[in-house]
Amino acid sequence: MEPTIVTHSRSSIQEG
């Protein structure tokens, strides 16, 4: 479940 958090963090960078 930890990898999911990393993927979410990457999405935030793409949005910003």
PDB file of N, CA and C in Angstrom:
ATOM      1  N   MET A   1       0.849  -1.207   0.000  1.00  0.00           N
ATOM      2  CA  MET A   1       0.000   0.000   0.000  1.00  0.00           C
ATOM      3  C   MET A   1       0.880   1.251   0.000  1.00  0.00           C
ATOM      4  N   GLU A   2       2.150   1.093   0.351  1.00  0.00           N
ATOM      5  CA  GLU A   2       3.060   2.254   0.368  1.00  0.00           C
ATOM      6  C   GLU A   2       3.305   2.792  -1.047  1.00  0.00           C
ATOM      7  N   PRO A   3       3.494   1.902  -2.029  1.00  0.00           N
ATOM      8  CA  PRO A   3       3.749   2.352  -3.402  1.00  0.00           C
ATOM      9  C   PRO A   3       2.628   3.253  -3.923  1.00  0.00           C
ATOM     10  N   THR A   4       1.413   3.020  -3.436  1.00  0.00           N
ATOM     11  CA  THR A   4       0.272   3.827  -3.889  1.00  0.00           C
ATOM     12  C   THR A   4       0.489   5.289  -3.526  1.00  0.00           C
ATOM     13  N   ILE A   5       1.050   5.517  -2.329  1.00  0.00           N
ATOM     14  CA  ILE A   5       1.280   6.901  -1.882  1.00  0.00           C
ATOM     15  C   ILE A   5       2.306   7.574  -2.802  1.00  0.00           C
ATOM     16  N   VAL A   6       3.298   6.813  -3.223  1.00  0.00           N
ATOM     17  CA  VAL A   6       4.349   7.376  -4.087  1.00  0.00           C
ATOM     18  C   VAL A   6       3.731   7.784  -5.422  1.00  0.00           C
ATOM     19  N   THR A   7       2.833   6.942  -5.939  1.00  0.00           N
ATOM     20  CA  THR A   7       2.193   7.244  -7.227  1.00  0.00           C
ATOM     21  C   THR A   7       1.351   8.505  -7.089  1.00  0.00           C
ATOM     22  N   HIS A   8       0.696   8.643  -5.962  1.00  0.00           N
ATOM     23  CA  HIS A   8      -0.166   9.813  -5.747  1.00  0.00           C
ATOM     24  C   HIS A   8       0.688  11.082  -5.703  1.00  0.00           C
ATOM     25  N   SER A   9       1.846  10.957  -5.084  1.00  0.00           N
ATOM     26  CA  SER A   9       2.749  12.114  -4.970  1.00  0.00           C
ATOM     27  C   SER A   9       3.206  12.551  -6.365  1.00  0.00           C
ATOM     28  N   ARG A  10       3.453  11.603  -7.218  1.00  0.00           N
ATOM     29  CA  ARG A  10       3.914  11.915  -8.581  1.00  0.00           C
ATOM     30  C   ARG A  10       2.806  12.648  -9.341  1.00  0.00           C
ATOM     31  N   SER A  11       1.585  12.224  -9.118  1.00  0.00           N
ATOM     32  CA  SER A  11       0.446  12.849  -9.812  1.00  0.00           C
ATOM     33  C   SER A  11       0.346  14.327  -9.406  1.00  0.00           C
ATOM     34  N   SER A  12       0.643  14.595  -8.160  1.00  0.00           N
ATOM     35  CA  SER A  12       0.570  15.980  -7.659  1.00  0.00           C
ATOM     36  C   SER A  12       1.581  16.853  -8.401  1.00  0.00           C
ATOM     37  N   ILE A  13       2.754  16.298  -8.661  1.00  0.00           N
ATOM     38  CA  ILE A  13       3.798  17.081  -9.357  1.00  0.00           C
ATOM     39  C   ILE A  13       3.346  17.384 -10.785  1.00  0.00           C
ATOM     40  N   GLN A  14       2.691  16.400 -11.413  1.00  0.00           N
ATOM     41  CA  GLN A  14       2.235  16.597 -12.796  1.00  0.00           C
ATOM     42  C   GLN A  14       1.137  17.668 -12.837  1.00  0.00           C
ATOM     43  N   GLU A  15       0.313  17.696 -11.794  1.00  0.00           N
ATOM     44  CA  GLU A  15      -0.785  18.673 -11.760  1.00  0.00           C
ATOM     45  C   GLU A  15      -0.240  20.074 -11.524  1.00  0.00           C
ATOM     46  N   GLY A  16       0.802  20.157 -10.705  1.00  0.00           N
ATOM     47  CA  GLY A  16       1.377  21.459 -10.359  1.00  0.00           C
ATOM     48  C   GLY A  16       2.409  21.863 -11.382  1.00  0.00           C
TER      49      GLY A  16
END
